[in-house]
N, C-alpha and C. Protein backbone atom coordinates (compact mmCIF):
# COMPACT_ATOMS: atom_id res chain seq x y z
N MET A 1 16.47 4.02 -5.55
CA MET A 1 16.93 2.87 -5.12
C MET A 1 16.00 1.43 -5.25
N LYS A 2 16.76 0.30 -4.74
CA LYS A 2 15.93 -0.80 -5.48
C LYS A 2 15.42 -1.52 -4.22
N THR A 3 14.68 -2.23 -4.24
CA THR A 3 13.65 -3.00 -2.73
C THR A 3 14.93 -3.13 -1.67
N LYS A 4 16.13 -4.38 -2.13
CA LYS A 4 16.99 -4.43 -0.91
C LYS A 4 18.00 -3.58 -0.92
N GLU A 5 18.38 -2.48 -1.27
CA GLU A 5 19.05 -0.79 -0.50
C GLU A 5 17.86 -0.33 0.09
N ARG A 6 16.36 0.08 -0.76
CA ARG A 6 15.41 0.81 0.56
C ARG A 6 15.60 -0.60 1.92
N ILE A 7 15.33 -1.68 1.68
CA ILE A 7 15.38 -2.41 3.01
C ILE A 7 16.24 -2.36 3.68
N PHE A 8 17.37 -2.33 3.59
CA PHE A 8 19.04 -2.14 3.88
C PHE A 8 19.07 -0.65 4.84
N HIS A 9 18.45 0.37 3.87
CA HIS A 9 18.53 1.81 4.46
C HIS A 9 17.93 2.06 5.77
N SER A 10 16.73 1.45 5.92
CA SER A 10 16.37 1.20 6.79
C SER A 10 16.49 0.84 7.29
N VAL A 11 16.93 -0.60 7.59
CA VAL A 11 17.45 -1.46 8.94
C VAL A 11 18.71 -0.46 9.44
N LEU A 12 19.44 0.22 8.68
CA LEU A 12 20.24 0.29 9.46
C LEU A 12 20.29 1.63 10.12
N PHE A 13 19.47 2.08 9.82
CA PHE A 13 18.38 3.70 9.98
C PHE A 13 17.74 3.22 11.45
N GLU A 14 17.37 2.59 11.31
CA GLU A 14 16.94 1.82 12.66
C GLU A 14 17.38 0.79 13.33
N ALA A 15 18.57 0.60 12.93
CA ALA A 15 19.90 0.20 14.26
C ALA A 15 20.34 1.28 15.10
N ILE A 16 20.79 2.51 14.48
CA ILE A 16 21.27 3.47 14.84
C ILE A 16 20.31 3.77 15.79
N ALA A 17 18.56 3.92 15.32
CA ALA A 17 18.37 4.74 16.36
C ALA A 17 17.49 3.77 17.90
N LEU A 18 17.87 2.45 17.28
CA LEU A 18 17.03 1.44 18.54
C LEU A 18 17.99 2.19 19.42
N VAL A 19 19.42 2.40 19.01
CA VAL A 19 20.36 2.57 20.75
C VAL A 19 19.64 4.08 21.14
N PHE A 20 19.45 5.14 20.72
CA PHE A 20 18.84 6.07 21.04
C PHE A 20 17.83 6.44 21.98
N VAL A 21 16.80 5.81 21.37
CA VAL A 21 15.46 5.52 21.77
C VAL A 21 15.75 4.56 23.35
N ILE A 22 16.20 3.30 23.18
CA ILE A 22 16.70 2.74 24.64
C ILE A 22 16.69 3.27 25.29
N ILE A 23 17.93 4.14 25.94
CA ILE A 23 18.64 5.02 25.92
C ILE A 23 17.55 6.26 26.72
N ALA A 24 16.88 6.93 25.74
CA ALA A 24 16.30 7.95 26.11
C ALA A 24 15.21 7.20 27.15
N ALA A 25 14.63 6.04 26.56
CA ALA A 25 13.02 5.42 27.50
C ALA A 25 13.22 5.04 28.60
N THR A 26 14.47 4.29 28.63
CA THR A 26 15.14 4.28 29.99
C THR A 26 15.32 5.51 30.98
N LEU A 27 16.23 6.33 30.64
CA LEU A 27 16.39 7.45 31.35
C LEU A 27 15.25 8.59 31.20
N PHE A 28 14.20 8.89 30.23
CA PHE A 28 13.55 9.92 30.50
C PHE A 28 11.79 9.03 30.87
N THR A 29 11.35 7.75 31.17
CA THR A 29 10.48 7.11 31.75
C THR A 29 10.69 6.63 32.47
N ASP A 30 9.10 5.90 33.51
CA ASP A 30 9.23 5.12 34.66
C ASP A 30 9.23 3.42 33.69
N ALA A 31 9.60 3.62 32.10
CA ALA A 31 9.19 1.68 32.52
C ALA A 31 10.99 1.22 32.12
N GLY A 32 10.96 0.39 32.71
CA GLY A 32 12.00 -0.71 33.09
C GLY A 32 13.02 -0.79 31.48
N ALA A 33 14.12 -1.28 31.44
CA ALA A 33 14.54 -1.61 30.17
C ALA A 33 13.95 -2.48 29.15
N LYS A 34 13.06 -3.45 29.89
CA LYS A 34 12.57 -4.69 29.27
C LYS A 34 11.43 -3.68 28.18
N SER A 35 11.12 -2.58 29.12
CA SER A 35 9.24 -2.32 28.12
C SER A 35 10.23 -1.10 27.48
N ALA A 36 11.09 -0.40 27.71
CA ALA A 36 11.56 0.44 26.74
C ALA A 36 11.99 -0.12 25.36
N THR A 37 12.98 -1.41 25.87
CA THR A 37 13.50 -2.15 24.50
C THR A 37 12.51 -2.45 23.94
N GLY A 38 11.19 -3.12 24.36
CA GLY A 38 9.99 -3.36 23.72
C GLY A 38 9.33 -2.45 22.79
N LEU A 39 9.27 -1.04 23.84
CA LEU A 39 8.84 0.20 22.75
C LEU A 39 9.41 0.35 21.25
N ALA A 40 10.51 0.37 21.53
CA ALA A 40 11.72 0.96 20.72
C ALA A 40 11.28 -0.21 19.63
N VAL A 41 11.83 -1.58 19.92
CA VAL A 41 10.94 -2.04 18.90
C VAL A 41 10.27 -2.08 18.39
N GLY A 42 8.63 -1.90 18.80
CA GLY A 42 7.81 -1.80 18.26
C GLY A 42 7.82 -0.70 17.24
N LEU A 43 8.47 0.37 17.81
CA LEU A 43 8.25 1.63 17.08
C LEU A 43 9.16 1.66 15.79
N SER A 44 10.27 1.03 15.84
CA SER A 44 11.34 0.44 14.64
C SER A 44 10.80 -0.27 13.99
N LEU A 45 9.64 -1.50 13.94
CA LEU A 45 8.98 -2.43 13.07
C LEU A 45 8.03 -1.36 12.55
N ILE A 46 7.36 -0.56 13.02
CA ILE A 46 6.19 0.69 12.58
C ILE A 46 7.13 1.83 11.36
N ALA A 47 8.39 2.01 11.93
CA ALA A 47 8.84 3.03 11.14
C ALA A 47 9.34 2.52 9.98
N MET A 48 9.89 0.85 10.02
CA MET A 48 10.64 0.78 8.82
C MET A 48 9.47 0.59 8.31
N CYS A 49 7.99 -0.46 8.05
CA CYS A 49 7.05 0.10 7.38
C CYS A 49 6.74 0.95 6.32
N TRP A 50 6.44 2.21 7.70
CA TRP A 50 5.94 3.44 6.98
C TRP A 50 7.42 4.25 6.10
N ASN A 51 8.50 3.87 6.81
CA ASN A 51 9.83 4.35 5.85
C ASN A 51 10.29 4.08 4.17
N TYR A 52 9.61 2.65 4.46
CA TYR A 52 9.40 2.01 3.34
C TYR A 52 8.61 2.82 2.29
N ILE A 53 7.45 2.99 2.25
CA ILE A 53 6.20 2.96 2.04
C ILE A 53 6.26 4.82 1.91
N TYR A 54 6.68 5.27 2.92
CA TYR A 54 6.74 7.10 2.78
C TYR A 54 7.58 7.00 1.68
N ASN A 55 9.31 6.53 1.54
CA ASN A 55 10.03 7.12 0.61
C ASN A 55 10.11 6.13 -0.73
N LEU A 56 9.03 5.18 -1.00
CA LEU A 56 8.97 4.68 -2.46
C LEU A 56 7.92 5.83 -2.89
N GLY A 57 6.98 6.55 -2.14
CA GLY A 57 6.02 7.96 -2.88
C GLY A 57 7.10 8.76 -2.96
N PHE A 58 7.27 8.96 -2.09
CA PHE A 58 8.42 10.74 -1.91
C PHE A 58 8.99 10.20 -3.36
N ASP A 59 9.96 8.89 -3.29
CA ASP A 59 10.84 9.25 -4.88
C ASP A 59 10.23 9.26 -6.29
N ARG A 60 9.20 8.79 -5.80
CA ARG A 60 8.45 8.73 -7.00
C ARG A 60 7.66 10.06 -7.91
N ILE A 61 7.14 10.83 -6.77
CA ILE A 61 6.70 11.98 -6.31
C ILE A 61 7.87 13.35 -7.25
N TYR A 62 8.99 13.35 -5.99
CA TYR A 62 10.09 14.25 -6.11
C TYR A 62 11.47 13.50 -7.08
N GLY A 63 10.93 12.75 -8.04
CA GLY A 63 12.22 11.98 -8.20
C GLY A 63 13.13 11.42 -7.35
N THR A 64 14.51 10.76 -8.36
CA THR A 64 15.61 9.61 -7.18
C THR A 64 16.72 10.16 -7.38
N ASN A 65 17.06 11.68 -8.21
CA ASN A 65 18.47 12.55 -7.74
C ASN A 65 18.39 12.95 -6.11
N ARG A 66 18.79 12.00 -5.07
CA ARG A 66 18.84 12.13 -3.93
C ARG A 66 19.87 13.43 -3.83
N ILE A 67 20.64 13.48 -4.13
CA ILE A 67 21.96 13.96 -3.91
C ILE A 67 21.55 15.53 -4.37
N GLU A 68 20.61 15.91 -5.18
CA GLU A 68 19.87 17.42 -5.35
C GLU A 68 19.22 17.82 -4.63
N ARG A 69 18.75 17.32 -3.93
CA ARG A 69 17.90 17.80 -2.63
C ARG A 69 18.17 18.65 -2.09
N SER A 70 17.10 19.64 -2.36
CA SER A 70 18.02 21.07 -1.38
C SER A 70 17.77 20.34 0.38
N ILE A 71 18.21 21.69 1.46
CA ILE A 71 17.87 21.67 2.84
C ILE A 71 16.33 21.71 2.91
N LYS A 72 15.70 22.55 2.68
CA LYS A 72 14.06 22.73 2.75
C LYS A 72 13.33 21.46 2.06
N MET A 73 13.82 20.96 0.99
CA MET A 73 13.27 19.64 0.75
C MET A 73 13.72 18.16 1.44
N ARG A 74 14.71 18.14 2.14
CA ARG A 74 15.15 17.57 3.30
C ARG A 74 13.89 17.97 4.66
N LEU A 75 14.03 18.70 4.39
CA LEU A 75 13.19 19.30 6.27
C LEU A 75 11.65 18.61 5.83
N GLY A 76 11.34 19.31 4.47
CA GLY A 76 9.88 18.55 4.30
C GLY A 76 9.63 17.12 4.38
N HIS A 77 10.47 16.20 3.86
CA HIS A 77 10.69 14.97 3.24
C HIS A 77 10.52 14.71 5.04
N GLY A 78 11.54 14.57 6.08
CA GLY A 78 11.95 14.31 7.20
C GLY A 78 10.56 15.08 8.34
N LEU A 79 9.69 16.40 7.90
CA LEU A 79 8.66 17.12 8.54
C LEU A 79 7.08 15.68 8.41
N GLY A 80 7.25 15.41 7.35
CA GLY A 80 5.88 14.58 6.32
C GLY A 80 6.18 13.09 7.08
N PHE A 81 7.57 12.89 7.46
CA PHE A 81 7.54 11.01 7.56
C PHE A 81 7.43 11.30 9.27
N GLU A 82 7.94 12.27 9.95
CA GLU A 82 7.81 12.13 10.99
C GLU A 82 5.71 12.74 11.71
N LEU A 83 5.13 13.43 10.77
CA LEU A 83 4.31 13.75 11.25
C LEU A 83 3.17 12.46 11.32
N GLY A 84 3.53 11.15 9.80
CA GLY A 84 2.94 10.22 9.80
C GLY A 84 3.34 9.23 10.92
N MET A 85 4.72 9.40 10.79
CA MET A 85 4.51 8.50 12.94
C MET A 85 3.71 8.85 13.93
N ILE A 86 4.02 9.93 14.08
CA ILE A 86 2.23 10.21 15.41
C ILE A 86 1.96 9.56 15.21
N PHE A 87 0.91 9.67 14.27
CA PHE A 87 -0.27 9.13 14.09
C PHE A 87 -0.62 7.63 14.03
N ALA A 88 0.93 7.07 14.46
CA ALA A 88 1.38 5.36 13.85
C ALA A 88 1.13 5.29 15.31
N THR A 89 2.22 5.90 15.90
CA THR A 89 2.66 5.40 17.10
C THR A 89 2.34 6.11 18.70
N LEU A 90 1.60 6.62 18.19
CA LEU A 90 0.80 7.46 19.64
C LEU A 90 -0.47 6.01 20.43
N PRO A 91 -0.74 5.10 19.56
CA PRO A 91 -1.28 4.34 20.30
C PRO A 91 -0.22 3.66 21.23
N LEU A 92 0.14 3.02 20.53
CA LEU A 92 1.77 2.24 21.08
C LEU A 92 2.10 2.65 21.88
N MET A 93 2.48 3.50 22.31
CA MET A 93 3.14 4.50 23.26
C MET A 93 2.45 4.35 24.35
N MET A 94 1.56 5.31 24.49
CA MET A 94 -0.03 5.15 25.51
C MET A 94 0.15 4.28 26.14
N TRP A 95 -0.50 2.59 25.62
CA TRP A 95 -0.68 1.36 25.70
C TRP A 95 0.54 0.90 27.03
N ILE A 96 1.91 1.20 25.91
CA ILE A 96 3.10 0.22 27.10
C ILE A 96 3.86 0.99 27.58
N LEU A 97 3.53 2.68 27.80
CA LEU A 97 4.15 3.58 28.88
C LEU A 97 2.81 3.44 30.22
N GLN A 98 1.67 3.46 29.51
CA GLN A 98 0.50 3.42 30.58
C GLN A 98 0.01 4.85 31.32
N LEU A 99 0.13 5.74 29.95
CA LEU A 99 0.55 6.76 30.24
C LEU A 99 -1.23 7.79 29.24
N ASP A 100 -1.21 8.82 29.56
CA ASP A 100 -2.41 9.87 28.94
C ASP A 100 -2.35 10.34 27.62
N PHE A 101 -2.94 10.97 26.78
CA PHE A 101 -3.20 11.47 25.60
C PHE A 101 -1.87 12.08 25.61
N TRP A 102 -2.44 13.75 26.40
CA TRP A 102 -1.38 15.07 26.23
C TRP A 102 0.17 14.48 26.72
N THR A 103 0.63 13.65 27.47
CA THR A 103 1.26 12.96 28.11
C THR A 103 2.74 12.59 27.24
N VAL A 104 1.86 12.20 26.60
CA VAL A 104 2.57 10.70 25.56
C VAL A 104 2.62 11.71 23.90
N PHE A 105 1.70 12.43 23.90
CA PHE A 105 1.74 13.49 22.72
C PHE A 105 2.89 14.53 22.65
N ILE A 106 3.60 15.01 24.12
CA ILE A 106 4.39 15.93 24.25
C ILE A 106 5.22 15.05 24.22
N MET A 107 5.34 13.75 24.76
CA MET A 107 7.21 12.84 24.71
C MET A 107 7.04 12.82 23.69
N ASP A 108 6.07 12.52 22.57
CA ASP A 108 6.28 12.11 21.17
C ASP A 108 6.91 13.45 20.30
N ILE A 109 6.25 14.55 20.56
CA ILE A 109 6.70 16.23 19.60
C ILE A 109 8.22 16.35 20.17
N GLY A 110 8.62 15.42 21.41
CA GLY A 110 10.15 15.30 21.49
C GLY A 110 10.88 14.38 20.46
N VAL A 111 9.84 13.33 20.44
CA VAL A 111 10.90 12.30 19.80
C VAL A 111 11.00 12.67 18.37
N VAL A 112 10.28 13.42 17.73
CA VAL A 112 9.85 13.67 16.41
C VAL A 112 11.26 14.88 15.97
N ILE A 113 11.30 15.78 17.05
CA ILE A 113 12.38 17.16 17.14
C ILE A 113 13.54 16.03 17.34
N PHE A 114 14.07 14.87 17.79
CA PHE A 114 15.12 14.46 17.88
C PHE A 114 14.82 13.36 16.31
N PHE A 115 14.21 12.68 16.03
CA PHE A 115 14.13 12.28 14.27
C PHE A 115 14.04 12.87 13.39
N LEU A 116 13.57 13.74 13.79
CA LEU A 116 13.65 15.04 12.36
C LEU A 116 15.46 15.49 12.02
N VAL A 117 16.15 15.58 13.42
CA VAL A 117 17.37 16.29 13.07
C VAL A 117 18.18 14.63 12.44
N TYR A 118 18.00 13.91 13.51
CA TYR A 118 18.70 12.23 12.81
C TYR A 118 18.48 11.85 11.55
N ALA A 119 16.79 11.91 11.21
CA ALA A 119 16.63 11.42 9.70
C ALA A 119 17.86 12.67 8.79
N ILE A 120 17.41 13.51 9.06
CA ILE A 120 18.00 14.77 7.90
C ILE A 120 19.64 14.38 7.37
N VAL A 121 20.61 14.40 8.75
CA VAL A 121 21.49 14.22 9.26
C VAL A 121 21.79 12.63 8.62
N PHE A 122 21.70 11.69 9.22
CA PHE A 122 21.18 10.28 7.99
C PHE A 122 21.26 10.05 7.10
N ASN A 123 20.15 10.21 6.19
CA ASN A 123 20.16 10.63 4.92
C ASN A 123 21.14 11.28 4.33
N TRP A 124 21.20 12.42 4.85
CA TRP A 124 22.36 13.66 3.80
C TRP A 124 23.73 12.44 3.60
N CYS A 125 24.37 12.02 4.69
CA CYS A 125 24.76 10.92 4.66
C CYS A 125 25.13 9.61 4.31
N TYR A 126 24.20 9.35 4.13
CA TYR A 126 23.69 7.92 3.13
C TYR A 126 24.00 8.39 1.83
N ASP A 127 23.20 9.36 1.46
CA ASP A 127 23.53 9.79 0.10
C ASP A 127 24.84 10.35 -0.34
N VAL A 128 25.21 10.53 0.60
CA VAL A 128 26.92 11.12 0.19
C VAL A 128 27.74 9.98 -0.02
N ILE A 129 27.71 9.02 0.79
CA ILE A 129 28.71 8.02 1.62
C ILE A 129 27.82 7.08 -0.31
N ARG A 130 26.29 7.19 -0.41
CA ARG A 130 26.03 6.35 -1.39
C ARG A 130 26.82 6.69 -3.04
N ALA A 131 26.46 8.43 -3.38
CA ALA A 131 26.81 8.73 -4.36
C ALA A 131 28.54 8.04 -4.22
N ARG A 132 29.67 8.57 -3.06
CA ARG A 132 30.90 8.06 -3.92
C ARG A 132 31.28 6.89 -4.09
N LEU A 133 30.37 5.89 -2.70
CA LEU A 133 30.70 5.08 -3.72
C LEU A 133 30.24 4.30 -5.31
N PHE A 134 29.10 4.85 -5.59
CA PHE A 134 29.08 4.33 -6.72
C PHE A 134 29.42 5.01 -7.94
N SER A 135 29.98 6.39 -8.06
CA SER A 135 31.11 6.60 -8.67
C SER A 135 32.33 6.19 -8.49
N HIS A 136 32.65 6.00 -7.30
CA HIS A 136 34.24 5.14 -7.39
C HIS A 136 34.48 3.93 -8.04
N GLN A 137 32.91 3.25 -7.87
CA GLN A 137 32.60 2.03 -8.63
C GLN A 137 32.83 2.53 -9.98
N ALA A 138 32.17 3.30 -10.51
CA ALA A 138 31.59 3.34 -11.96
C ALA A 138 32.93 4.22 -12.48
N GLY A 139 33.93 4.44 -11.88
CA GLY A 139 35.64 4.80 -12.23
C GLY A 139 36.12 3.65 -11.91
N ASN A 140 36.13 2.27 -11.15
CA ASN A 140 36.77 1.69 -11.52
C ASN A 140 36.40 0.46 -12.69
N ASP A 141 35.05 0.51 -13.35
CA ASP A 141 34.50 0.28 -14.44
C ASP A 141 35.19 0.46 -15.56
N ARG A 142 35.41 2.03 -15.32
CA ARG A 142 35.79 2.96 -16.73
C ARG A 142 37.31 2.16 -17.20
N VAL A 143 38.25 1.75 -15.90
CA VAL A 143 39.31 1.93 -15.86
C VAL A 143 39.68 0.20 -16.15
N ASN A 144 38.83 -0.45 -15.78
CA ASN A 144 38.93 -1.90 -16.23
C ASN A 144 38.65 -2.36 -17.97
N GLU A 145 37.58 -1.05 -18.40
CA GLU A 145 37.22 -1.68 -19.71
C GLU A 145 38.40 -1.22 -20.84
N SER A 146 39.26 -0.03 -19.99
CA SER A 146 39.79 1.07 -20.97
C SER A 146 41.19 -0.15 -21.03
N SER A 147 41.27 -0.84 -19.88
CA SER A 147 42.36 -1.38 -19.73
C SER A 147 42.47 -2.95 -20.06
N ALA A 148 41.18 -3.63 -20.64
CA ALA A 148 40.89 -4.85 -20.93
C ALA A 148 41.20 -4.96 -22.40
N PRO A 149 41.90 -6.15 -22.88
CA PRO A 149 42.16 -5.83 -24.37
C PRO A 149 40.79 -6.38 -25.27
N SER A 150 40.71 -5.54 -26.06
CA SER A 150 39.77 -5.44 -27.18
C SER A 150 40.24 -6.81 -28.26
N ILE A 151 39.20 -7.67 -28.38
CA ILE A 151 38.68 -8.75 -29.52
C ILE A 151 38.21 -8.25 -30.94
N SER A 152 38.80 -7.32 -31.24
CA SER A 152 37.96 -7.05 -32.41
C SER A 152 38.83 -7.66 -33.53
C-alpha cells in the first residue's frame, strides 16, 4: 500500500472503531459521554500512528501480498498490534478514567479481545474489497486498451 492508502485504511478503521468505543465506554464505565469521547479520540490517534508504523514494518517483513495471508498470520498480526497498543494506551486510560492499573488492565484486555476480532474482520474485508476493485479496474483497463484503435 502506498502512503495515501495506508492513511485512508487507518482513518476508516478508526472511524468505525470510534463508534464502538464511545458506546462501550459510556455503557461500561462511570465516564460521561464527554470523557468517553475524549478518551476514544485520544486512543484513536495513538492507534492511527501505531497502525501506520506497525503495518509498514509488518509489510516489509512479511510482504505485501495481503490476500494470501493465512488466518494464523492474521491472528499474529492482530495480536502483535494489540500488545503494542496496551503499552501505549494504559497510562492514558488510567489518567482519564481515574482508575488503578489492574482495573484498567482488565478493561484493556477486553478491548484487546474486541479489537483483535474487529481488526481481523476489518482487514480481511478491506483486502478482499481492495483486490476486487483493483482486479475489476485492471480488467477495465485491458478492455479499454484492446478496444482502442491502433496507431501503427
